[in-house]
Amino acid sequence: MNNNITLVVMAAGMGSRFGGLKQIEPIGKSGEILLDYSVYDAVQAGFNKVVFVIKHAIEGEFKAVVGKRIEKMVKTEYVFQETDALPEGFVCPPDRVKPWGTAHAVLCCRGVVKEPFAVINADDYYGKSAFKQTAEFLKNNKKDYCMTGFRLVNTLTENGYVSRGVCDIENGELRSVTERTKIIDCKYTEDDGATWTALPPDTVVSMNLWGFMPDLFDYALNGFSEFLKENINNPKAEYYLPSVVSGLIGSGKKRVKVLIAEDKWYGVTYKEDKQMVSDAINKMSENGLYENL
């Protein structure tokens, strides 16, 4: 059994998405943000280290606004995703502004994560069962990976369309993830609304909750070098984590177990979502789920 498991939190984009960390509005009654609940749930599930992937530009603010609270809960480390953090032999173009993507964010943890680990977005709420299932898999597995998905109907908002990775699953294992960028009410469009295709409400979608063994870093590093050979001068090209996973599945190098969280996923996609999310989280707190947070 793996006694040590780590939670990697992709947070490098928080400053740009929210216009500065101080503009992250609290969800909980005591000023908690969604990340506080995710880390709390992860620690309760058995994760004993958290690694935040951030940028140097937000380091001071992030540690003051977020890190100081998390550090009281669990061992905490920070790594930095910068555009010039490239493999030997590659030089970042001077006009590159956009981060290199989610797989690069995870690759930045290579020096500090030596144990099985999960990866999440910093600004999503996944719920207790998602972390419990992921932790159990990581503790009892030595080779394969996992993806903890959600039912599509449990990830939607009434305030606009969403993008979701629709999973193709065979015998409980992930075969592929297809990105649908405009979904409303369990229907998606690929022609700006001219036609709509229905998806079953119980369709499993990926919300970027992955479970990996440490060997992912070697695969990702090799893949990143190949990616850069073709894309280093493309200012918009990004190296995505699902692409790395898909490549490993396709080559037969890895199997990815699909775990399904039946809880509702929460995120503030639109400003109108905030009150609904806040009400739901605070109701959970009133019911005793977060009394020690």
Foldseek 3Di string as FASTA:
>chain_A
DFQEEEEEEECACVCVVQVHPVSQAALEPVRHALLVQVLVLLVVLRHAEYEYEHAPVCVVVCCVNPVVVSVVPHHYYYFYQDQQPADPPDGFPPPADDTQEDLSSVLRCLVPDQAKYKYAYNFKHDDNVQSNVLSVCRRPDDAAKAFEWEFQLLEDDPPAFAKWFFFDDDPQWTQATDIFGGDDPQWGDDPVPPDIDHHPRRGTTGNRIMIDGSCLSVLSNVVVVVVCVPPSPPSPHHDYPRVSVNVCVVVVNHIYGYHYDHHRMDGPPDPVRSVVSSVVVNVCVVVPPPVPD
